[in-house]
Amino acid sequence: MLGPSRQVARRTSRRTSRRVSRRQQGMYEDTYAEPEPEQSAPPPPSAPAAPAQPSYVAELEQLGQLKAQGLISEEEFEAKKKQILGI
């Protein structure tokens, strides 16, 4: 049987050993912890869309083709152009 001083020494030794083990375990957990995911850079802004062509431009182009083909006269072309442009 152990004397009282040996029992105290053994108990103190166990407690100290456990405390040191917990500290070391904490240090190693930080080492092996999974890294936090990196924040990705925001995507670059998309290229600005080409400005929408006003609807009257397509009508004027079609009107110009009709005039070039000789299907409408110069006077008809000018009258319709003014109507489309609101002049």
Protein backbone atom coordinates (compact mmCIF):
# COMPACT_ATOMS: atom_id res chain seq x y z
CA MET A 1 0.00 0.00 0.00
CA LEU A 2 1.18 3.50 -0.88
CA GLY A 3 1.67 6.21 1.69
CA PRO A 4 -0.40 9.43 1.60
CA SER A 5 2.36 11.48 0.00
CA ARG A 6 2.78 8.92 -2.82
CA GLN A 7 -0.99 8.92 -3.46
CA VAL A 8 -1.00 12.72 -3.72
CA ALA A 9 2.01 12.64 -6.03
CA ARG A 10 0.42 10.01 -8.29
CA ARG A 11 -2.92 11.89 -8.43
CA THR A 12 -1.15 15.17 -9.22
CA SER A 13 0.90 13.46 -11.91
CA ARG A 14 -2.23 12.05 -13.59
CA ARG A 15 -4.02 15.41 -13.51
CA THR A 16 -1.01 17.20 -14.95
CA SER A 17 -0.61 14.56 -17.64
CA ARG A 18 -4.28 14.90 -18.65
CA ARG A 19 -4.05 18.69 -18.72
CA VAL A 20 -0.95 18.58 -20.93
CA SER A 21 -2.62 16.03 -23.23
CA ARG A 22 -5.69 18.27 -23.66
CA ARG A 23 -3.49 21.28 -24.48
CA GLN A 24 -1.49 19.32 -27.03
CA GLN A 25 -4.64 17.90 -28.56
CA GLY A 26 -5.99 21.44 -28.97
CA MET A 27 -2.78 22.53 -30.70
CA TYR A 28 -2.92 19.64 -33.15
CA GLU A 29 -6.61 20.16 -33.85
CA ASP A 30 -5.79 23.66 -35.11
CA THR A 31 -3.07 22.20 -37.33
CA TYR A 32 -5.33 19.59 -38.89
CA ALA A 33 -8.50 21.66 -39.01
CA GLU A 34 -9.97 22.09 -42.47
CA PRO A 35 -9.17 25.50 -43.92
CA GLU A 36 -12.04 27.89 -44.38
CA PRO A 37 -13.17 28.11 -47.99
CA GLU A 38 -11.75 31.10 -49.80
CA GLN A 39 -14.16 33.71 -50.96
CA SER A 40 -14.14 33.75 -54.70
CA ALA A 41 -13.81 37.05 -56.48
CA PRO A 42 -17.07 38.44 -57.80
CA PRO A 43 -17.61 37.63 -61.46
CA PRO A 44 -16.53 40.38 -63.85
CA PRO A 45 -19.37 42.56 -65.04
CA SER A 46 -20.85 41.30 -68.25
CA ALA A 47 -20.22 43.27 -71.39
CA PRO A 48 -22.88 45.90 -71.89
CA ALA A 49 -25.49 44.79 -74.36
CA ALA A 50 -25.56 46.59 -77.65
CA PRO A 51 -28.07 49.40 -77.45
CA ALA A 52 -31.39 48.28 -78.79
CA GLN A 53 -32.03 49.58 -82.24
CA PRO A 54 -35.12 51.78 -82.25
CA SER A 55 -38.00 50.18 -84.11
CA TYR A 56 -38.19 53.06 -86.58
CA VAL A 57 -34.67 52.29 -87.87
CA ALA A 58 -35.77 48.91 -89.21
CA GLU A 59 -38.84 50.51 -90.80
CA LEU A 60 -36.72 53.21 -92.46
CA GLU A 61 -34.28 50.62 -93.80
CA GLN A 62 -37.15 48.63 -95.27
CA LEU A 63 -38.62 51.81 -96.73
CA GLY A 64 -35.23 52.68 -98.29
CA GLN A 65 -35.07 49.24 -99.91
CA LEU A 66 -38.53 49.70 -101.41
CA LYS A 67 -37.45 53.07 -102.84
CA ALA A 68 -34.18 51.58 -104.19
CA GLN A 69 -36.15 48.82 -105.93
CA GLY A 70 -38.38 51.44 -107.51
CA LEU A 71 -41.52 50.16 -105.78
CA ILE A 72 -42.27 53.58 -104.20
CA SER A 73 -41.58 57.10 -105.43
CA GLU A 74 -39.39 59.75 -103.76
CA GLU A 75 -42.51 61.62 -102.58
CA GLU A 76 -44.01 58.46 -101.03
CA PHE A 77 -40.67 57.72 -99.35
CA GLU A 78 -40.43 61.23 -97.84
CA ALA A 79 -44.06 61.20 -96.66
CA LYS A 80 -43.72 57.80 -94.98
CA LYS A 81 -40.35 58.78 -93.45
CA LYS A 82 -41.91 61.88 -91.86
CA GLN A 83 -44.79 59.77 -90.57
CA ILE A 84 -42.41 57.21 -89.01
CA LEU A 85 -40.20 59.89 -87.43
CA GLY A 86 -43.21 61.89 -86.22
CA ILE A 87 -42.11 65.05 -88.01
